[in-house]
Amino acid sequence: MSAILLDSAMGSRLEEMGHKLSAPLWSATVLQSKPEDITQIHKENIEAGAQVITTNTFRTTPYSLHQAGLSGVDAHARARALTLLAIRLAWKTVKESGKDIKIAAAIAPLADSWSPQDFPGNIVSRPWHDAQLDNLAHHSTDILLLETMNSAREAKGLTELALRYEKPVWVSFALNNEGQIYNGDDLVATAAYLEKKGISAIGVNCSSFKASQIALNLLRETVSIPLLAYPNLELGRKKKKSKISPEDFVTWAKEIEEIGVEFIGACCGSDYTHIKALADHNNS
């Protein structure tokens, strides 16, 4: 049985389309400036064969908007407006496709994904995360996706908040080079804890092929719930960046599918051509 296909990256595809993205809002700025480009990316992925698409809500959070200079009240109001817009864009694209596509509502770590040391702790983060989860638990979304989690502490706290809603909760980790959680926390112990709590799937994203494969082997030996993977396909840095080809992505995807990974997509550096290549391979 072939894996269920997730979609490709939002941020790096927007950059390919000419958008200049920067912290703290990144792709959220495009919701304000050119939302039709968000719709185009959803449409590209659905037409390519994606069976689950992800809302462009990675940085539509109250905390991110507060970092961008809005007051607490204004940050919460603007976050809700942008988040619901992102959900509507995904839902409208799915509806117009006429296909049975699931919508995963994405929520990221409070601080920058690659700066776990900036996480202020669960007591401080709780009201920020809680407000965004309430936005994301809209009737049009099917899954709450906690992605690019960079520490066990935040993943556990955010998971407990997310599990209060009547939706499946997926948790995906960013990894270090050893295939552990990015800040060095133990992936196996954290996965076992989260499975017991009741999450519906667990996996890795925005990490290298090698680190992802190490982690997925560990996870398959640890948990019985479905696994998901959407790796980083960028090579190099800044102006010298290139991306892994759709053919090489398919080769890797088939290897992790043999491990027993049930949901496969792609993160930074990917686009709909990677999803189409995997869909074509599965259908051949």
C-alpha atoms as a PDB file:
ATOM      1  CA  MET A   1       0.000   0.000   0.000  1.00  0.00           C
ATOM      2  CA  SER A   2       1.363   3.423  -1.001  1.00  0.00           C
ATOM      3  CA  ALA A   3       1.822   6.196   1.529  1.00  0.00           C
ATOM      4  CA  ILE A   4      -0.709   9.002   1.765  1.00  0.00           C
ATOM      5  CA  LEU A   5       0.780  12.115   0.168  1.00  0.00           C
ATOM      6  CA  LEU A   6       1.233  15.343   2.070  1.00  0.00           C
ATOM      7  CA  ASP A   7       1.954  18.601   0.247  1.00  0.00           C
ATOM      8  CA  SER A   8       5.167  20.512  -0.470  1.00  0.00           C
ATOM      9  CA  ALA A   9       6.665  23.663   1.026  1.00  0.00           C
ATOM     10  CA  MET A  10       4.843  26.967   1.257  1.00  0.00           C
ATOM     11  CA  GLY A  11       7.601  29.432   2.184  1.00  0.00           C
ATOM     12  CA  SER A  12      10.296  28.470  -0.297  1.00  0.00           C
ATOM     13  CA  ARG A  13       7.715  28.197  -3.097  1.00  0.00           C
ATOM     14  CA  LEU A  14       6.544  31.736  -2.318  1.00  0.00           C
ATOM     15  CA  GLU A  15      10.158  32.870  -2.552  1.00  0.00           C
ATOM     16  CA  GLU A  16      10.399  31.197  -5.964  1.00  0.00           C
ATOM     17  CA  MET A  17       7.346  33.227  -6.959  1.00  0.00           C
ATOM     18  CA  GLY A  18       9.199  36.421  -6.052  1.00  0.00           C
ATOM     19  CA  HIS A  19       8.080  37.140  -2.490  1.00  0.00           C
ATOM     20  CA  LYS A  20      10.623  38.427   0.013  1.00  0.00           C
ATOM     21  CA  LEU A  21      10.027  36.673   3.321  1.00  0.00           C
ATOM     22  CA  SER A  22      11.606  37.561   6.642  1.00  0.00           C
ATOM     23  CA  ALA A  23      11.171  37.080  10.377  1.00  0.00           C
ATOM     24  CA  PRO A  24       9.000  37.141  12.352  1.00  0.00           C
ATOM     25  CA  LEU A  25       6.036  36.678   9.990  1.00  0.00           C
ATOM     26  CA  TRP A  26       7.635  34.907   7.018  1.00  0.00           C
ATOM     27  CA  SER A  27       4.900  33.503   4.734  1.00  0.00           C
ATOM     28  CA  ALA A  28       2.126  35.137   6.780  1.00  0.00           C
ATOM     29  CA  THR A  29       2.892  38.443   5.058  1.00  0.00           C
ATOM     30  CA  VAL A  30       1.661  37.032   1.740  1.00  0.00           C
ATOM     31  CA  LEU A  31      -1.792  36.480   3.214  1.00  0.00           C
ATOM     32  CA  GLN A  32      -1.970  40.261   3.451  1.00  0.00           C
ATOM     33  CA  SER A  33      -0.263  41.155   0.169  1.00  0.00           C
ATOM     34  CA  LYS A  34      -1.208  38.447  -2.335  1.00  0.00           C
ATOM     35  CA  PRO A  35      -3.435  35.667  -0.941  1.00  0.00           C
ATOM     36  CA  GLU A  36      -4.085  34.300  -4.438  1.00  0.00           C
ATOM     37  CA  ASP A  37      -0.513  32.988  -4.453  1.00  0.00           C
ATOM     38  CA  ILE A  38      -1.313  30.901  -1.382  1.00  0.00           C
ATOM     39  CA  THR A  39      -4.312  29.490  -3.222  1.00  0.00           C
ATOM     40  CA  GLN A  40      -2.151  28.731  -6.254  1.00  0.00           C
ATOM     41  CA  ILE A  41       0.263  26.671  -4.156  1.00  0.00           C
ATOM     42  CA  HIS A  42      -2.586  24.685  -2.597  1.00  0.00           C
ATOM     43  CA  LYS A  43      -4.015  24.078  -6.070  1.00  0.00           C
ATOM     44  CA  GLU A  44      -0.637  22.997  -7.466  1.00  0.00           C
ATOM     45  CA  ASN A  45      -0.260  20.417  -4.711  1.00  0.00           C
ATOM     46  CA  ILE A  46      -3.776  19.045  -5.048  1.00  0.00           C
ATOM     47  CA  GLU A  47      -3.395  18.706  -8.807  1.00  0.00           C
ATOM     48  CA  ALA A  48      -0.023  17.015  -8.238  1.00  0.00           C
ATOM     49  CA  GLY A  49      -1.638  14.362  -6.053  1.00  0.00           C
ATOM     50  CA  ALA A  50      -1.444  15.613  -2.461  1.00  0.00           C
ATOM     51  CA  GLN A  51      -4.114  14.065  -0.246  1.00  0.00           C
ATOM     52  CA  VAL A  52      -3.446  16.338   2.736  1.00  0.00           C
ATOM     53  CA  ILE A  53      -2.702  20.050   2.424  1.00  0.00           C
ATOM     54  CA  THR A  54      -1.384  22.304   5.178  1.00  0.00           C
ATOM     55  CA  THR A  55      -2.739  25.731   6.063  1.00  0.00           C
ATOM     56  CA  ASN A  56      -0.397  28.702   5.728  1.00  0.00           C
ATOM     57  CA  THR A  57      -0.523  29.357   9.469  1.00  0.00           C
ATOM     58  CA  PHE A  58       3.080  28.683  10.481  1.00  0.00           C
ATOM     59  CA  ARG A  59       3.516  32.295  11.590  1.00  0.00           C
ATOM     60  CA  THR A  60      -0.004  33.715  11.779  1.00  0.00           C
ATOM     61  CA  THR A  61       0.225  33.385  15.551  1.00  0.00           C
ATOM     62  CA  PRO A  62      -0.544  36.087  18.124  1.00  0.00           C
ATOM     63  CA  TYR A  63       3.020  35.762  19.410  1.00  0.00           C
ATOM     64  CA  SER A  64       4.560  36.363  15.981  1.00  0.00           C
ATOM     65  CA  LEU A  65       2.362  39.387  15.372  1.00  0.00           C
ATOM     66  CA  HIS A  66       3.259  40.703  18.822  1.00  0.00           C
ATOM     67  CA  GLN A  67       6.923  40.308  17.867  1.00  0.00           C
ATOM     68  CA  ALA A  68       6.160  42.252  14.699  1.00  0.00           C
ATOM     69  CA  GLY A  69       5.090  45.211  16.828  1.00  0.00           C
ATOM     70  CA  LEU A  70       1.379  44.820  17.547  1.00  0.00           C
ATOM     71  CA  SER A  71      -0.012  45.185  21.042  1.00  0.00           C
ATOM     72  CA  GLY A  72      -1.394  42.110  22.792  1.00  0.00           C
ATOM     73  CA  VAL A  73      -5.038  42.812  21.895  1.00  0.00           C
ATOM     74  CA  ASP A  74      -4.235  43.825  18.322  1.00  0.00           C
ATOM     75  CA  ALA A  75      -1.896  40.860  17.881  1.00  0.00           C
ATOM     76  CA  HIS A  76      -4.635  38.434  18.905  1.00  0.00           C
ATOM     77  CA  ALA A  77      -7.223  40.070  16.660  1.00  0.00           C
ATOM     78  CA  ARG A  78      -4.912  40.165  13.656  1.00  0.00           C
ATOM     79  CA  ALA A  79      -3.757  36.595  14.260  1.00  0.00           C
ATOM     80  CA  ARG A  80      -7.331  35.357  14.233  1.00  0.00           C
ATOM     81  CA  ALA A  81      -8.122  37.245  11.037  1.00  0.00           C
ATOM     82  CA  LEU A  82      -5.039  35.946   9.200  1.00  0.00           C
ATOM     83  CA  THR A  83      -5.449  32.406  10.499  1.00  0.00           C
ATOM     84  CA  LEU A  84      -9.084  32.194   9.447  1.00  0.00           C
ATOM     85  CA  LEU A  85      -8.158  33.644   6.050  1.00  0.00           C
ATOM     86  CA  ALA A  86      -5.497  30.949   5.624  1.00  0.00           C
ATOM     87  CA  ILE A  87      -8.033  28.273   6.551  1.00  0.00           C
ATOM     88  CA  ARG A  88     -10.607  29.685   4.134  1.00  0.00           C
ATOM     89  CA  LEU A  89      -8.076  29.684   1.285  1.00  0.00           C
ATOM     90  CA  ALA A  90      -7.248  26.022   1.914  1.00  0.00           C
ATOM     91  CA  TRP A  91     -10.896  25.019   2.312  1.00  0.00           C
ATOM     92  CA  LYS A  92     -11.994  26.893  -0.820  1.00  0.00           C
ATOM     93  CA  THR A  93      -9.260  25.264  -2.890  1.00  0.00           C
ATOM     94  CA  VAL A  94     -10.222  21.804  -1.631  1.00  0.00           C
ATOM     95  CA  LYS A  95     -13.902  22.432  -2.301  1.00  0.00           C
ATOM     96  CA  GLU A  96     -13.236  23.646  -5.843  1.00  0.00           C
ATOM     97  CA  SER A  97     -11.061  20.600  -6.545  1.00  0.00           C
ATOM     98  CA  GLY A  98     -13.951  18.233  -5.881  1.00  0.00           C
ATOM     99  CA  LYS A  99     -11.519  15.824  -4.234  1.00  0.00           C
ATOM    100  CA  ASP A 100     -11.452  14.271  -0.778  1.00  0.00           C
ATOM    101  CA  ILE A 101      -8.517  16.256   0.586  1.00  0.00           C
ATOM    102  CA  LYS A 102      -7.824  16.652   4.305  1.00  0.00           C
ATOM    103  CA  ILE A 103      -6.717  19.987   5.752  1.00  0.00           C
ATOM    104  CA  ALA A 104      -3.971  20.015   8.383  1.00  0.00           C
ATOM    105  CA  ALA A 105      -3.919  23.182  10.489  1.00  0.00           C
ATOM    106  CA  ALA A 106      -0.263  23.953  11.209  1.00  0.00           C
ATOM    107  CA  ILE A 107       1.134  25.434  14.401  1.00  0.00           C
ATOM    108  CA  ALA A 108       4.854  25.941  15.013  1.00  0.00           C
ATOM    109  CA  PRO A 109       7.062  26.487  18.065  1.00  0.00           C
ATOM    110  CA  LEU A 110       6.515  29.827  19.771  1.00  0.00           C
ATOM    111  CA  ALA A 111      10.024  31.112  19.070  1.00  0.00           C
ATOM    112  CA  ASP A 112      12.065  30.607  15.908  1.00  0.00           C
ATOM    113  CA  SER A 113      12.231  26.946  14.926  1.00  0.00           C
ATOM    114  CA  TRP A 114      16.027  26.966  15.022  1.00  0.00           C
ATOM    115  CA  SER A 115      16.321  28.810  18.337  1.00  0.00           C
ATOM    116  CA  PRO A 116      14.879  26.445  20.953  1.00  0.00           C
ATOM    117  CA  GLN A 117      16.811  28.358  23.610  1.00  0.00           C
ATOM    118  CA  ASP A 118      14.388  31.251  23.090  1.00  0.00           C
ATOM    119  CA  PHE A 119      11.365  29.228  24.205  1.00  0.00           C
ATOM    120  CA  PRO A 120      10.064  31.086  27.296  1.00  0.00           C
ATOM    121  CA  GLY A 121       8.573  28.004  28.946  1.00  0.00           C
ATOM    122  CA  ASN A 122       5.113  26.451  28.998  1.00  0.00           C
ATOM    123  CA  ILE A 123       3.664  28.850  31.567  1.00  0.00           C
ATOM    124  CA  VAL A 124       4.442  31.880  29.399  1.00  0.00           C
ATOM    125  CA  SER A 125       3.664  30.161  26.107  1.00  0.00           C
ATOM    126  CA  ARG A 126       0.364  28.589  27.140  1.00  0.00           C
ATOM    127  CA  PRO A 127      -1.950  31.580  26.506  1.00  0.00           C
ATOM    128  CA  TRP A 128      -0.245  32.313  23.174  1.00  0.00           C
ATOM    129  CA  HIS A 129      -0.498  28.712  21.980  1.00  0.00           C
ATOM    130  CA  ASP A 130      -3.998  28.288  23.388  1.00  0.00           C
ATOM    131  CA  ALA A 131      -5.306  31.295  21.466  1.00  0.00           C
ATOM    132  CA  GLN A 132      -3.863  30.029  18.191  1.00  0.00           C
ATOM    133  CA  LEU A 133      -5.145  26.490  18.697  1.00  0.00           C
ATOM    134  CA  ASP A 134      -8.601  27.934  19.234  1.00  0.00           C
ATOM    135  CA  ASN A 135      -8.239  29.699  15.865  1.00  0.00           C
ATOM    136  CA  LEU A 136      -6.990  26.554  14.148  1.00  0.00           C
ATOM    137  CA  ALA A 137      -9.658  24.228  15.536  1.00  0.00           C
ATOM    138  CA  HIS A 138     -12.098  25.617  12.980  1.00  0.00           C
ATOM    139  CA  HIS A 139     -14.748  23.278  11.592  1.00  0.00           C
ATOM    140  CA  SER A 140     -13.059  23.394   8.173  1.00  0.00           C
ATOM    141  CA  THR A 141      -9.817  21.823   9.457  1.00  0.00           C
ATOM    142  CA  ASP A 142      -9.358  18.086   9.905  1.00  0.00           C
ATOM    143  CA  ILE A 143      -6.036  17.761  11.738  1.00  0.00           C
ATOM    144  CA  LEU A 144      -4.025  19.828  14.211  1.00  0.00           C
ATOM    145  CA  LEU A 145      -0.418  19.635  13.005  1.00  0.00           C
ATOM    146  CA  LEU A 146       2.237  20.574  15.551  1.00  0.00           C
ATOM    147  CA  GLU A 147       5.224  20.916  13.236  1.00  0.00           C
ATOM    148  CA  THR A 148       8.948  21.649  13.418  1.00  0.00           C
ATOM    149  CA  MET A 149       8.863  21.049  17.169  1.00  0.00           C
ATOM    150  CA  ASN A 150      12.386  21.661  18.454  1.00  0.00           C
ATOM    151  CA  SER A 151      12.193  20.570  22.100  1.00  0.00           C
ATOM    152  CA  ALA A 152      10.437  17.877  24.085  1.00  0.00           C
ATOM    153  CA  ARG A 153       9.277  20.402  26.642  1.00  0.00           C
ATOM    154  CA  GLU A 154       7.342  22.569  24.208  1.00  0.00           C
ATOM    155  CA  ALA A 155       6.057  19.599  22.215  1.00  0.00           C
ATOM    156  CA  LYS A 156       4.611  18.026  25.358  1.00  0.00           C
ATOM    157  CA  GLY A 157       2.995  21.235  26.571  1.00  0.00           C
ATOM    158  CA  LEU A 158       1.521  22.121  23.191  1.00  0.00           C
ATOM    159  CA  THR A 159       0.271  18.563  22.676  1.00  0.00           C
ATOM    160  CA  GLU A 160      -1.647  18.614  25.945  1.00  0.00           C
ATOM    161  CA  LEU A 161      -3.368  21.818  24.838  1.00  0.00           C
ATOM    162  CA  ALA A 162      -4.130  20.472  21.357  1.00  0.00           C
ATOM    163  CA  LEU A 163      -5.598  17.197  22.606  1.00  0.00           C
ATOM    164  CA  ARG A 164      -8.457  19.079  24.268  1.00  0.00           C
ATOM    165  CA  TYR A 165      -9.972  19.636  20.831  1.00  0.00           C
ATOM    166  CA  GLU A 166     -11.912  16.913  19.040  1.00  0.00           C
ATOM    167  CA  LYS A 167      -9.433  16.572  16.188  1.00  0.00           C
ATOM    168  CA  PRO A 168      -6.535  14.232  15.457  1.00  0.00           C
ATOM    169  CA  VAL A 169      -3.227  15.687  16.650  1.00  0.00           C
ATOM    170  CA  TRP A 170      -0.050  15.077  14.640  1.00  0.00           C
ATOM    171  CA  VAL A 171       3.362  16.005  16.044  1.00  0.00           C
ATOM    172  CA  SER A 172       6.406  16.481  13.828  1.00  0.00           C
ATOM    173  CA  PHE A 173       9.940  17.238  15.015  1.00  0.00           C
ATOM    174  CA  ALA A 174      12.876  19.165  13.582  1.00  0.00           C
ATOM    175  CA  LEU A 175      16.049  17.127  14.049  1.00  0.00           C
ATOM    176  CA  ASN A 176      19.737  17.555  14.720  1.00  0.00           C
ATOM    177  CA  ASN A 177      22.350  15.635  12.721  1.00  0.00           C
ATOM    178  CA  GLU A 178      22.069  12.603  15.006  1.00  0.00           C
ATOM    179  CA  GLY A 179      18.359  12.133  14.355  1.00  0.00           C
ATOM    180  CA  GLN A 180      17.334  13.430  17.782  1.00  0.00           C
ATOM    181  CA  ILE A 181      15.115  16.417  18.544  1.00  0.00           C
ATOM    182  CA  TYR A 182      16.845  19.599  17.397  1.00  0.00           C
ATOM    183  CA  ASN A 183      17.802  20.830  20.884  1.00  0.00           C
ATOM    184  CA  GLY A 184      19.227  17.423  21.799  1.00  0.00           C
ATOM    185  CA  ASP A 185      16.215  15.984  23.655  1.00  0.00           C
ATOM    186  CA  ASP A 186      15.617  12.258  23.313  1.00  0.00           C
ATOM    187  CA  LEU A 187      13.233  11.490  20.458  1.00  0.00           C
ATOM    188  CA  VAL A 188      12.324   7.958  21.563  1.00  0.00           C
ATOM    189  CA  ALA A 189      11.343   8.910  25.114  1.00  0.00           C
ATOM    190  CA  THR A 190       9.350  11.876  23.861  1.00  0.00           C
ATOM    191  CA  ALA A 191       7.563   9.806  21.220  1.00  0.00           C
ATOM    192  CA  ALA A 192       6.582   7.148  23.744  1.00  0.00           C
ATOM    193  CA  TYR A 193       5.208   9.848  26.056  1.00  0.00           C
ATOM    194  CA  LEU A 194       3.184  11.522  23.299  1.00  0.00           C
ATOM    195  CA  GLU A 195       1.739   8.234  22.060  1.00  0.00           C
ATOM    196  CA  LYS A 196       0.472   7.474  25.544  1.00  0.00           C
ATOM    197  CA  LYS A 197      -1.106  10.919  25.689  1.00  0.00           C
ATOM    198  CA  GLY A 198      -3.162  10.100  22.602  1.00  0.00           C
ATOM    199  CA  ILE A 199      -1.688  11.738  19.514  1.00  0.00           C
ATOM    200  CA  SER A 200      -2.704  10.215  16.170  1.00  0.00           C
ATOM    201  CA  ALA A 201       0.598  10.418  14.242  1.00  0.00           C
ATOM    202  CA  ILE A 202       4.206  11.401  14.839  1.00  0.00           C
ATOM    203  CA  GLY A 203       7.120  12.166  12.587  1.00  0.00           C
ATOM    204  CA  VAL A 204       9.808  14.524  11.363  1.00  0.00           C
ATOM    205  CA  ASN A 205      10.037  17.525   9.072  1.00  0.00           C
ATOM    206  CA  CYS A 206      12.421  20.190   7.769  1.00  0.00           C
ATOM    207  CA  SER A 207      15.402  17.901   8.375  1.00  0.00           C
ATOM    208  CA  SER A 208      17.923  16.161   6.146  1.00  0.00           C
ATOM    209  CA  PHE A 209      17.283  12.821   4.459  1.00  0.00           C
ATOM    210  CA  LYS A 210      19.897  11.136   6.649  1.00  0.00           C
ATOM    211  CA  ALA A 211      18.715  12.539   9.997  1.00  0.00           C
ATOM    212  CA  SER A 212      15.078  11.875   9.065  1.00  0.00           C
ATOM    213  CA  GLN A 213      15.774   8.273   8.166  1.00  0.00           C
ATOM    214  CA  ILE A 214      17.641   7.669  11.431  1.00  0.00           C
ATOM    215  CA  ALA A 215      14.758   9.161  13.389  1.00  0.00           C
ATOM    216  CA  LEU A 216      12.063   7.289  11.468  1.00  0.00           C
ATOM    217  CA  ASN A 217      13.748   3.955  12.137  1.00  0.00           C
ATOM    218  CA  LEU A 218      13.835   4.806  15.848  1.00  0.00           C
ATOM    219  CA  LEU A 219      10.204   5.894  15.816  1.00  0.00           C
ATOM    220  CA  ARG A 220       9.029   2.776  14.001  1.00  0.00           C
ATOM    221  CA  GLU A 221      10.624   0.662  16.730  1.00  0.00           C
ATOM    222  CA  THR A 222       9.031   2.806  19.458  1.00  0.00           C
ATOM    223  CA  VAL A 223       5.448   3.650  18.528  1.00  0.00           C
ATOM    224  CA  SER A 224       2.550   1.903  16.830  1.00  0.00           C
ATOM    225  CA  ILE A 225       0.770   5.041  15.590  1.00  0.00           C
ATOM    226  CA  PRO A 226       1.283   6.228  11.978  1.00  0.00           C
ATOM    227  CA  LEU A 227       4.518   7.979  11.014  1.00  0.00           C
ATOM    228  CA  LEU A 228       4.844  11.079   8.859  1.00  0.00           C
ATOM    229  CA  ALA A 229       7.835  12.631   7.125  1.00  0.00           C
ATOM    230  CA  TYR A 230       8.413  15.723   5.048  1.00  0.00           C
ATOM    231  CA  PRO A 231      12.146  16.458   4.807  1.00  0.00           C
ATOM    232  CA  ASN A 232      14.076  19.575   3.876  1.00  0.00           C
ATOM    233  CA  LEU A 233      15.099  19.417   0.212  1.00  0.00           C
ATOM    234  CA  GLU A 234      17.410  22.434   0.178  1.00  0.00           C
ATOM    235  CA  LEU A 235      21.144  21.999  -0.338  1.00  0.00           C
ATOM    236  CA  GLY A 236      23.704  24.670   0.502  1.00  0.00           C
ATOM    237  CA  ARG A 237      23.086  28.097   1.947  1.00  0.00           C
ATOM    238  CA  LYS A 238      21.864  31.494   0.832  1.00  0.00           C
ATOM    239  CA  LYS A 239      22.711  32.317  -2.806  1.00  0.00           C
ATOM    240  CA  LYS A 240      24.341  28.927  -3.390  1.00  0.00           C
ATOM    241  CA  LYS A 241      21.212  27.014  -2.457  1.00  0.00           C
ATOM    242  CA  SER A 242      19.966  24.280  -4.737  1.00  0.00           C
ATOM    243  CA  LYS A 243      17.336  21.641  -4.160  1.00  0.00           C
ATOM    244  CA  ILE A 244      17.101  17.890  -4.305  1.00  0.00           C
ATOM    245  CA  SER A 245      15.531  16.674  -7.524  1.00  0.00           C
ATOM    246  CA  PRO A 246      12.075  15.073  -7.674  1.00  0.00           C
ATOM    247  CA  GLU A 247      13.736  11.807  -8.771  1.00  0.00           C
ATOM    248  CA  ASP A 248      16.051  11.690  -5.750  1.00  0.00           C
ATOM    249  CA  PHE A 249      13.134  12.587  -3.490  1.00  0.00           C
ATOM    250  CA  VAL A 250      11.125   9.651  -4.853  1.00  0.00           C
ATOM    251  CA  THR A 251      14.055   7.293  -4.247  1.00  0.00           C
ATOM    252  CA  TRP A 252      14.260   8.418  -0.623  1.00  0.00           C
ATOM    253  CA  ALA A 253      10.497   8.344  -0.168  1.00  0.00           C
ATOM    254  CA  LYS A 254      10.285   4.727  -1.289  1.00  0.00           C
ATOM    255  CA  GLU A 255      13.019   3.787   1.209  1.00  0.00           C
ATOM    256  CA  ILE A 256      11.175   5.304   4.156  1.00  0.00           C
ATOM    257  CA  GLU A 257       7.908   3.847   2.941  1.00  0.00           C
ATOM    258  CA  GLU A 258       9.528   0.438   3.400  1.00  0.00           C
ATOM    259  CA  ILE A 259      10.181   1.389   7.038  1.00  0.00           C
ATOM    260  CA  GLY A 260       6.444   1.842   7.407  1.00  0.00           C
ATOM    261  CA  VAL A 261       5.996   5.598   7.058  1.00  0.00           C
ATOM    262  CA  GLU A 262       2.340   6.232   6.254  1.00  0.00           C
ATOM    263  CA  PHE A 263       2.368   9.961   5.365  1.00  0.00           C
ATOM    264  CA  ILE A 264       5.042  11.470   3.096  1.00  0.00           C
ATOM    265  CA  GLY A 265       5.507  15.001   1.801  1.00  0.00           C
ATOM    266  CA  ALA A 266       8.295  17.554   1.473  1.00  0.00           C
ATOM    267  CA  CYS A 267       9.401  20.699   3.305  1.00  0.00           C
ATOM    268  CA  CYS A 268      11.704  23.636   2.452  1.00  0.00           C
ATOM    269  CA  GLY A 269      13.089  23.621  -1.083  1.00  0.00           C
ATOM    270  CA  SER A 270      10.291  21.474  -2.444  1.00  0.00           C
ATOM    271  CA  ASP A 271       7.381  22.259  -4.718  1.00  0.00           C
ATOM    272  CA  TYR A 272       4.507  20.466  -6.408  1.00  0.00           C
ATOM    273  CA  THR A 273       6.861  18.697  -8.852  1.00  0.00           C
ATOM    274  CA  HIS A 274       8.210  16.593  -5.989  1.00  0.00           C
ATOM    275  CA  ILE A 275       4.708  15.549  -4.958  1.00  0.00           C
ATOM    276  CA  LYS A 276       3.734  14.815  -8.566  1.00  0.00           C
ATOM    277  CA  ALA A 277       6.815  12.653  -9.067  1.00  0.00           C
ATOM    278  CA  LEU A 278       5.930  10.553  -6.009  1.00  0.00           C
ATOM    279  CA  ALA A 279       2.254  10.346  -7.023  1.00  0.00           C
ATOM    280  CA  ASP A 280       3.246   9.238 -10.532  1.00  0.00           C
ATOM    281  CA  HIS A 281       5.561   6.606  -9.084  1.00  0.00           C
ATOM    282  CA  ASN A 282       2.840   5.296  -6.798  1.00  0.00           C
ATOM    283  CA  ASN A 283       0.409   5.091  -9.678  1.00  0.00           C
ATOM    284  CA  SER A 284       2.797   3.389 -12.096  1.00  0.00           C
END
